[in-house]
């Protein structure tokens, strides 16, 4: 999980962008990927990071579900209001 997230970090993105080759469709070759410097924190810190990401993703999923429910309720309320049922 840590490696996947760090690859999308600004530090790695800058390294990848500096190594891009080509103009129309830029390429990033395996050689450049292997030379990318990735900080590797202690394993316990990586595990803590993974737990925090999991908790955050669960909360985000719950918030999306609540938002969908609110959208449905609002649509129902609008429907009833335009039909003069309120």
PDB file of N, CA and C in Angstrom:
ATOM      1  N   UNK A   1       0.827  -1.182   0.000  1.00  0.00           N
ATOM      2  CA  UNK A   1       0.000   0.000   0.000  1.00  0.00           C
ATOM      3  C   UNK A   1       0.876   1.252   0.000  1.00  0.00           C
ATOM      4  N   UNK A   2       1.910   1.251   0.823  1.00  0.00           N
ATOM      5  CA  UNK A   2       2.784   2.413   0.909  1.00  0.00           C
ATOM      6  C   UNK A   2       3.404   2.733  -0.445  1.00  0.00           C
ATOM      7  N   UNK A   3       3.918   1.730  -1.106  1.00  0.00           N
ATOM      8  CA  UNK A   3       4.581   1.949  -2.391  1.00  0.00           C
ATOM      9  C   UNK A   3       3.623   2.527  -3.424  1.00  0.00           C
ATOM     10  N   UNK A   4       2.408   2.044  -3.442  1.00  0.00           N
ATOM     11  CA  UNK A   4       1.421   2.577  -4.376  1.00  0.00           C
ATOM     12  C   UNK A   4       1.120   4.045  -4.128  1.00  0.00           C
ATOM     13  N   UNK A   5       1.026   4.429  -2.869  1.00  0.00           N
ATOM     14  CA  UNK A   5       0.738   5.823  -2.530  1.00  0.00           C
ATOM     15  C   UNK A   5       1.949   6.719  -2.784  1.00  0.00           C
ATOM     16  N   UNK A   6       3.141   6.246  -2.444  1.00  0.00           N
ATOM     17  CA  UNK A   6       4.343   7.066  -2.613  1.00  0.00           C
ATOM     18  C   UNK A   6       4.632   7.323  -4.083  1.00  0.00           C
ATOM     19  N   UNK A   7       4.280   6.377  -4.954  1.00  0.00           N
ATOM     20  CA  UNK A   7       4.502   6.579  -6.391  1.00  0.00           C
ATOM     21  C   UNK A   7       3.688   7.748  -6.929  1.00  0.00           C
ATOM     22  N   UNK A   8       2.579   8.075  -6.273  1.00  0.00           N
ATOM     23  CA  UNK A   8       1.748   9.197  -6.703  1.00  0.00           C
ATOM     24  C   UNK A   8       2.064  10.484  -5.941  1.00  0.00           C
ATOM     25  N   UNK A   9       3.103  10.457  -5.130  1.00  0.00           N
ATOM     26  CA  UNK A   9       3.458  11.639  -4.355  1.00  0.00           C
ATOM     27  C   UNK A   9       4.144  12.675  -5.238  1.00  0.00           C
ATOM     28  N   UNK A  10       4.122  13.935  -4.816  1.00  0.00           N
ATOM     29  CA  UNK A  10       4.798  14.975  -5.598  1.00  0.00           C
ATOM     30  C   UNK A  10       6.295  14.701  -5.790  1.00  0.00           C
ATOM     31  N   UNK A  11       6.963  14.131  -4.791  1.00  0.00           N
ATOM     32  CA  UNK A  11       8.399  13.862  -4.910  1.00  0.00           C
ATOM     33  C   UNK A  11       8.687  12.854  -6.023  1.00  0.00           C
ATOM     34  N   UNK A  12       7.929  11.765  -6.070  1.00  0.00           N
ATOM     35  CA  UNK A  12       8.139  10.768  -7.121  1.00  0.00           C
ATOM     36  C   UNK A  12       7.696  11.303  -8.476  1.00  0.00           C
ATOM     37  N   UNK A  13       6.616  12.047  -8.498  1.00  0.00           N
ATOM     38  CA  UNK A  13       6.142  12.612  -9.760  1.00  0.00           C
ATOM     39  C   UNK A  13       7.196  13.528 -10.372  1.00  0.00           C
ATOM     40  N   UNK A  14       7.842  14.350  -9.535  1.00  0.00           N
ATOM     41  CA  UNK A  14       8.915  15.218 -10.044  1.00  0.00           C
ATOM     42  C   UNK A  14      10.049  14.394 -10.632  1.00  0.00           C
ATOM     43  N   UNK A  15      10.425  13.315  -9.953  1.00  0.00           N
ATOM     44  CA  UNK A  15      11.500  12.459 -10.458  1.00  0.00           C
ATOM     45  C   UNK A  15      11.102  11.823 -11.791  1.00  0.00           C
ATOM     46  N   UNK A  16       9.876  11.327 -11.865  1.00  0.00           N
ATOM     47  CA  UNK A  16       9.416  10.706 -13.109  1.00  0.00           C
ATOM     48  C   UNK A  16       9.367  11.728 -14.244  1.00  0.00           C
ATOM     49  N   UNK A  17       8.825  12.918 -13.962  1.00  0.00           N
ATOM     50  CA  UNK A  17       8.727  13.942 -14.997  1.00  0.00           C
ATOM     51  C   UNK A  17      10.100  14.369 -15.504  1.00  0.00           C
ATOM     52  N   UNK A  18      11.075  14.396 -14.625  1.00  0.00           N
ATOM     53  CA  UNK A  18      12.425  14.783 -15.034  1.00  0.00           C
ATOM     54  C   UNK A  18      13.055  13.729 -15.938  1.00  0.00           C
ATOM     55  N   UNK A  19      12.578  12.499 -15.866  1.00  0.00           N
ATOM     56  CA  UNK A  19      13.155  11.396 -16.651  1.00  0.00           C
ATOM     57  C   UNK A  19      12.385  11.088 -17.927  1.00  0.00           C
ATOM     58  N   UNK A  20      11.269  11.776 -18.165  1.00  0.00           N
ATOM     59  CA  UNK A  20      10.468  11.477 -19.348  1.00  0.00           C
ATOM     60  C   UNK A  20      11.234  11.725 -20.633  1.00  0.00           C
ATOM     61  N   UNK A  21      11.033  10.841 -21.589  1.00  0.00           N
ATOM     62  CA  UNK A  21      11.670  10.953 -22.901  1.00  0.00           C
ATOM     63  C   UNK A  21      10.572  11.044 -23.954  1.00  0.00           C
ATOM     64  N   UNK A  22      10.765  11.904 -24.936  1.00  0.00           N
ATOM     65  CA  UNK A  22       9.800  12.024 -26.023  1.00  0.00           C
ATOM     66  C   UNK A  22       8.948  13.270 -25.889  1.00  0.00           C
ATOM     67  N   UNK A  23       8.286  13.621 -26.978  1.00  0.00           N
ATOM     68  CA  UNK A  23       7.479  14.842 -26.999  1.00  0.00           C
ATOM     69  C   UNK A  23       5.994  14.501 -27.107  1.00  0.00           C
ATOM     70  N   UNK A  24       5.604  13.791 -28.158  1.00  0.00           N
ATOM     71  CA  UNK A  24       4.186  13.498 -28.385  1.00  0.00           C
ATOM     72  C   UNK A  24       3.591  12.617 -27.308  1.00  0.00           C
ATOM     73  N   UNK A  25       4.167  11.455 -27.113  1.00  0.00           N
ATOM     74  CA  UNK A  25       3.741  10.517 -26.086  1.00  0.00           C
ATOM     75  C   UNK A  25       4.974  10.210 -25.244  1.00  0.00           C
ATOM     76  N   UNK A  26       5.141  10.931 -24.133  1.00  0.00           N
ATOM     77  CA  UNK A  26       6.351  10.738 -23.330  1.00  0.00           C
ATOM     78  C   UNK A  26       6.463   9.315 -22.805  1.00  0.00           C
ATOM     79  N   UNK A  27       7.693   8.811 -22.740  1.00  0.00           N
ATOM     80  CA  UNK A  27       7.959   7.462 -22.245  1.00  0.00           C
ATOM     81  C   UNK A  27       8.806   7.530 -20.989  1.00  0.00           C
ATOM     82  N   UNK A  28       8.536   6.637 -20.088  1.00  0.00           N
ATOM     83  CA  UNK A  28       9.346   6.481 -18.895  1.00  0.00           C
ATOM     84  C   UNK A  28       9.856   5.050 -18.931  1.00  0.00           C
ATOM     85  N   UNK A  29      11.144   4.888 -19.126  1.00  0.00           N
ATOM     86  CA  UNK A  29      11.724   3.560 -19.301  1.00  0.00           C
ATOM     87  C   UNK A  29      12.058   2.922 -17.955  1.00  0.00           C
ATOM     88  N   UNK A  30      12.173   1.605 -17.969  1.00  0.00           N
ATOM     89  CA  UNK A  30      12.463   0.848 -16.760  1.00  0.00           C
ATOM     90  C   UNK A  30      13.737   1.334 -16.085  1.00  0.00           C
ATOM     91  N   UNK A  31      14.719   1.725 -16.872  1.00  0.00           N
ATOM     92  CA  UNK A  31      15.984   2.230 -16.310  1.00  0.00           C
ATOM     93  C   UNK A  31      15.718   3.439 -15.407  1.00  0.00           C
ATOM     94  N   UNK A  32      14.888   4.372 -15.881  1.00  0.00           N
ATOM     95  CA  UNK A  32      14.580   5.559 -15.087  1.00  0.00           C
ATOM     96  C   UNK A  32      13.749   5.204 -13.854  1.00  0.00           C
ATOM     97  N   UNK A  33      12.850   4.258 -14.027  1.00  0.00           N
ATOM     98  CA  UNK A  33      12.026   3.846 -12.883  1.00  0.00           C
ATOM     99  C   UNK A  33      12.905   3.230 -11.804  1.00  0.00           C
ATOM    100  N   UNK A  34      13.865   2.424 -12.202  1.00  0.00           N
ATOM    101  CA  UNK A  34      14.770   1.784 -11.232  1.00  0.00           C
ATOM    102  C   UNK A  34      15.631   2.808 -10.504  1.00  0.00           C
ATOM    103  N   UNK A  35      15.910   3.929 -11.142  1.00  0.00           N
ATOM    104  CA  UNK A  35      16.760   4.946 -10.522  1.00  0.00           C
ATOM    105  C   UNK A  35      15.980   5.896  -9.612  1.00  0.00           C
ATOM    106  N   UNK A  36      14.667   5.742  -9.550  1.00  0.00           N
ATOM    107  CA  UNK A  36      13.841   6.614  -8.718  1.00  0.00           C
ATOM    108  C   UNK A  36      14.154   6.359  -7.249  1.00  0.00           C
ATOM    109  N   UNK A  37      14.369   7.434  -6.536  1.00  0.00           N
ATOM    110  CA  UNK A  37      14.659   7.335  -5.096  1.00  0.00           C
ATOM    111  C   UNK A  37      13.344   7.359  -4.331  1.00  0.00           C
ATOM    112  N   UNK A  38      13.101   6.305  -3.576  1.00  0.00           N
ATOM    113  CA  UNK A  38      11.871   6.183  -2.798  1.00  0.00           C
ATOM    114  C   UNK A  38      12.242   6.032  -1.330  1.00  0.00           C
ATOM    115  N   UNK A  39      11.763   6.947  -0.479  1.00  0.00           N
ATOM    116  CA  UNK A  39      12.054   6.817   0.946  1.00  0.00           C
ATOM    117  C   UNK A  39      11.359   5.572   1.511  1.00  0.00           C
ATOM    118  N   UNK A  40      12.054   4.827   2.313  1.00  0.00           N
ATOM    119  CA  UNK A  40      11.488   3.613   2.904  1.00  0.00           C
ATOM    120  C   UNK A  40      11.528   3.755   4.421  1.00  0.00           C
ATOM    121  N   UNK A  41      10.393   4.139   5.017  1.00  0.00           N
ATOM    122  CA  UNK A  41      10.337   4.259   6.473  1.00  0.00           C
ATOM    123  C   UNK A  41      10.332   2.880   7.130  1.00  0.00           C
ATOM    124  N   UNK A  42      10.543   2.831   8.433  1.00  0.00           N
ATOM    125  CA  UNK A  42      10.499   1.544   9.145  1.00  0.00           C
ATOM    126  C   UNK A  42       9.150   0.843   8.904  1.00  0.00           C
ATOM    127  N   UNK A  43       9.169  -0.472   8.943  1.00  0.00           N
ATOM    128  CA  UNK A  43       7.987  -1.267   8.626  1.00  0.00           C
ATOM    129  C   UNK A  43       6.805  -0.927   9.524  1.00  0.00           C
ATOM    130  N   UNK A  44       7.059  -0.645  10.797  1.00  0.00           N
ATOM    131  CA  UNK A  44       5.945  -0.310  11.692  1.00  0.00           C
ATOM    132  C   UNK A  44       5.279   0.995  11.266  1.00  0.00           C
ATOM    133  N   UNK A  45       6.061   1.943  10.805  1.00  0.00           N
ATOM    134  CA  UNK A  45       5.497   3.195  10.314  1.00  0.00           C
ATOM    135  C   UNK A  45       4.705   2.956   9.029  1.00  0.00           C
ATOM    136  N   UNK A  46       5.168   2.050   8.185  1.00  0.00           N
ATOM    137  CA  UNK A  46       4.426   1.692   6.978  1.00  0.00           C
ATOM    138  C   UNK A  46       3.093   1.040   7.342  1.00  0.00           C
ATOM    139  N   UNK A  47       3.109   0.185   8.349  1.00  0.00           N
ATOM    140  CA  UNK A  47       1.870  -0.471   8.790  1.00  0.00           C
ATOM    141  C   UNK A  47       0.882   0.543   9.363  1.00  0.00           C
ATOM    142  N   UNK A  48       1.408   1.492  10.134  1.00  0.00           N
ATOM    143  CA  UNK A  48       0.549   2.544  10.687  1.00  0.00           C
ATOM    144  C   UNK A  48      -0.069   3.353   9.552  1.00  0.00           C
ATOM    145  N   UNK A  49       0.732   3.669   8.556  1.00  0.00           N
ATOM    146  CA  UNK A  49       0.242   4.394   7.382  1.00  0.00           C
ATOM    147  C   UNK A  49      -0.877   3.606   6.707  1.00  0.00           C
ATOM    148  N   UNK A  50      -0.682   2.306   6.530  1.00  0.00           N
ATOM    149  CA  UNK A  50      -1.690   1.457   5.888  1.00  0.00           C
ATOM    150  C   UNK A  50      -2.985   1.446   6.696  1.00  0.00           C
ATOM    151  N   UNK A  51      -2.864   1.371   8.023  1.00  0.00           N
ATOM    152  CA  UNK A  51      -4.076   1.385   8.863  1.00  0.00           C
ATOM    153  C   UNK A  51      -4.826   2.710   8.709  1.00  0.00           C
ATOM    154  N   UNK A  52      -4.084   3.820   8.702  1.00  0.00           N
ATOM    155  CA  UNK A  52      -4.716   5.127   8.555  1.00  0.00           C
ATOM    156  C   UNK A  52      -5.380   5.275   7.188  1.00  0.00           C
ATOM    157  N   UNK A  53      -4.736   4.770   6.153  1.00  0.00           N
ATOM    158  CA  UNK A  53      -5.331   4.822   4.815  1.00  0.00           C
ATOM    159  C   UNK A  53      -6.610   3.994   4.786  1.00  0.00           C
ATOM    160  N   UNK A  54      -6.594   2.814   5.390  1.00  0.00           N
ATOM    161  CA  UNK A  54      -7.787   1.962   5.418  1.00  0.00           C
ATOM    162  C   UNK A  54      -8.941   2.640   6.150  1.00  0.00           C
ATOM    163  N   UNK A  55      -8.646   3.245   7.303  1.00  0.00           N
ATOM    164  CA  UNK A  55      -9.686   3.946   8.065  1.00  0.00           C
ATOM    165  C   UNK A  55     -10.248   5.096   7.232  1.00  0.00           C
ATOM    166  N   UNK A  56      -9.367   5.849   6.600  1.00  0.00           N
ATOM    167  CA  UNK A  56      -9.792   6.981   5.783  1.00  0.00           C
ATOM    168  C   UNK A  56     -10.661   6.521   4.614  1.00  0.00           C
ATOM    169  N   UNK A  57     -10.278   5.422   3.967  1.00  0.00           N
ATOM    170  CA  UNK A  57     -11.070   4.905   2.848  1.00  0.00           C
ATOM    171  C   UNK A  57     -12.441   4.421   3.307  1.00  0.00           C
ATOM    172  N   UNK A  58     -12.517   3.793   4.482  1.00  0.00           N
ATOM    173  CA  UNK A  58     -13.814   3.363   5.021  1.00  0.00           C
ATOM    174  C   UNK A  58     -14.703   4.561   5.328  1.00  0.00           C
ATOM    175  N   UNK A  59     -14.122   5.606   5.931  1.00  0.00           N
ATOM    176  CA  UNK A  59     -14.896   6.809   6.227  1.00  0.00           C
ATOM    177  C   UNK A  59     -15.366   7.477   4.936  1.00  0.00           C
ATOM    178  N   UNK A  60     -14.505   7.506   3.946  1.00  0.00           N
ATOM    179  CA  UNK A  60     -14.866   8.105   2.662  1.00  0.00           C
ATOM    180  C   UNK A  60     -16.020   7.340   2.020  1.00  0.00           C
ATOM    181  N   UNK A  61     -15.978   6.017   2.104  1.00  0.00           N
ATOM    182  CA  UNK A  61     -17.058   5.181   1.554  1.00  0.00           C
ATOM    183  C   UNK A  61     -18.373   5.472   2.276  1.00  0.00           C
ATOM    184  N   UNK A  62     -18.313   5.614   3.595  1.00  0.00           N
ATOM    185  CA  UNK A  62     -19.519   5.916   4.375  1.00  0.00           C
ATOM    186  C   UNK A  62     -20.061   7.295   4.001  1.00  0.00           C
ATOM    187  N   UNK A  63     -19.167   8.258   3.808  1.00  0.00           N
ATOM    188  CA  UNK A  63     -19.606   9.600   3.422  1.00  0.00           C
ATOM    189  C   UNK A  63     -20.245   9.602   2.032  1.00  0.00           C
ATOM    190  N   UNK A  64     -19.684   8.842   1.096  1.00  0.00           N
ATOM    191  CA  UNK A  64     -20.283   8.758  -0.238  1.00  0.00           C
ATOM    192  C   UNK A  64     -21.670   8.138  -0.176  1.00  0.00           C
ATOM    193  N   UNK A  65     -21.839   7.122   0.668  1.00  0.00           N
ATOM    194  CA  UNK A  65     -23.150   6.492   0.817  1.00  0.00           C
ATOM    195  C   UNK A  65     -24.153   7.478   1.415  1.00  0.00           C
ATOM    196  N   UNK A  66     -23.723   8.251   2.406  1.00  0.00           N
ATOM    197  CA  UNK A  66     -24.603   9.256   3.008  1.00  0.00           C
ATOM    198  C   UNK A  66     -24.981  10.321   1.990  1.00  0.00           C
ATOM    199  N   UNK A  67     -24.019  10.736   1.191  1.00  0.00           N
ATOM    200  CA  UNK A  67     -24.281  11.739   0.166  1.00  0.00           C
ATOM    201  C   UNK A  67     -25.289  11.217  -0.862  1.00  0.00           C
ATOM    202  N   UNK A  68     -25.144   9.967  -1.258  1.00  0.00           N
ATOM    203  CA  UNK A  68     -26.088   9.374  -2.206  1.00  0.00           C
ATOM    204  C   UNK A  68     -27.492   9.340  -1.608  1.00  0.00           C
ATOM    205  N   UNK A  69     -27.578   9.004  -0.330  1.00  0.00           N
ATOM    206  CA  UNK A  69     -28.881   8.962   0.335  1.00  0.00           C
ATOM    207  C   UNK A  69     -29.491  10.365   0.413  1.00  0.00           C
ATOM    208  N   UNK A  70     -28.667  11.360   0.737  1.00  0.00           N
ATOM    209  CA  UNK A  70     -29.157  12.741   0.785  1.00  0.00           C
ATOM    210  C   UNK A  70     -29.624  13.214  -0.592  1.00  0.00           C
ATOM    211  N   UNK A  71     -28.880  12.852  -1.624  1.00  0.00           N
ATOM    212  CA  UNK A  71     -29.283  13.216  -2.990  1.00  0.00           C
ATOM    213  C   UNK A  71     -30.641  12.610  -3.333  1.00  0.00           C
ATOM    214  N   UNK A  72     -30.847  11.352  -2.963  1.00  0.00           N
ATOM    215  CA  UNK A  72     -32.122  10.686  -3.242  1.00  0.00           C
ATOM    216  C   UNK A  72     -33.254  11.351  -2.471  1.00  0.00           C
ATOM    217  N   UNK A  73     -33.002  11.696  -1.213  1.00  0.00           N
ATOM    218  CA  UNK A  73     -34.040  12.354  -0.418  1.00  0.00           C
ATOM    219  C   UNK A  73     -34.376  13.735  -0.980  1.00  0.00           C
ATOM    220  N   UNK A  74     -33.350  14.467  -1.412  1.00  0.00           N
ATOM    221  CA  UNK A  74     -33.586  15.793  -1.984  1.00  0.00           C
ATOM    222  C   UNK A  74     -34.375  15.688  -3.287  1.00  0.00           C
ATOM    223  N   UNK A  75     -34.044  14.710  -4.114  1.00  0.00           N
ATOM    224  CA  UNK A  75     -34.783  14.510  -5.367  1.00  0.00           C
ATOM    225  C   UNK A  75     -36.239  14.194  -5.071  1.00  0.00           C
ATOM    226  N   UNK A  76     -36.482  13.381  -4.070  1.00  0.00           N
ATOM    227  CA  UNK A  76     -37.850  13.042  -3.686  1.00  0.00           C
ATOM    228  C   UNK A  76     -38.590  14.277  -3.187  1.00  0.00           C
ATOM    229  N   UNK A  77     -37.910  15.079  -2.392  1.00  0.00           N
ATOM    230  CA  UNK A  77     -38.516  16.309  -1.876  1.00  0.00           C
ATOM    231  C   UNK A  77     -38.846  17.270  -3.019  1.00  0.00           C
ATOM    232  N   UNK A  78     -37.943  17.413  -3.971  1.00  0.00           N
ATOM    233  CA  UNK A  78     -38.199  18.274  -5.128  1.00  0.00           C
ATOM    234  C   UNK A  78     -39.417  17.778  -5.912  1.00  0.00           C
ATOM    235  N   UNK A  79     -39.459  16.485  -6.121  1.00  0.00           N
ATOM    236  CA  UNK A  79     -40.571  15.881  -6.864  1.00  0.00           C
ATOM    237  C   UNK A  79     -41.889  16.185  -6.184  1.00  0.00           C
ATOM    238  N   UNK A  80     -41.929  16.005  -4.885  1.00  0.00           N
ATOM    239  CA  UNK A  80     -43.165  16.267  -4.137  1.00  0.00           C
ATOM    240  C   UNK A  80     -43.509  17.754  -4.142  1.00  0.00           C
ATOM    241  N   UNK A  81     -42.484  18.607  -4.067  1.00  0.00           N
ATOM    242  CA  UNK A  81     -42.740  20.047  -4.072  1.00  0.00           C
ATOM    243  C   UNK A  81     -43.321  20.497  -5.393  1.00  0.00           C
ATOM    244  N   UNK A  82     -42.787  20.005  -6.517  1.00  0.00           N
ATOM    245  CA  UNK A  82     -43.285  20.410  -7.820  1.00  0.00           C
ATOM    246  C   UNK A  82     -44.674  19.827  -8.133  1.00  0.00           C
ATOM    247  N   UNK A  83     -45.010  18.765  -7.452  1.00  0.00           N
ATOM    248  CA  UNK A  83     -46.352  18.191  -7.639  1.00  0.00           C
ATOM    249  C   UNK A  83     -47.363  18.842  -6.679  1.00  0.00           C
ATOM    250  N   UNK A  84     -46.870  19.743  -5.827  1.00  0.00           N
ATOM    251  CA  UNK A  84     -47.766  20.451  -4.876  1.00  0.00           C
ATOM    252  C   UNK A  84     -48.155  19.613  -3.700  1.00  0.00           C
ATOM    253  N   UNK A  85     -47.368  18.651  -3.324  1.00  0.00           N
ATOM    254  CA  UNK A  85     -47.714  17.751  -2.221  1.00  0.00           C
ATOM    255  C   UNK A  85     -47.164  18.226  -0.879  1.00  0.00           C
ATOM    256  N   UNK A  86     -46.498  19.343  -0.850  1.00  0.00           N
ATOM    257  CA  UNK A  86     -45.934  19.819   0.430  1.00  0.00           C
ATOM    258  C   UNK A  86     -46.758  20.910   1.049  1.00  0.00           C
TER     259      UNK A  86
END
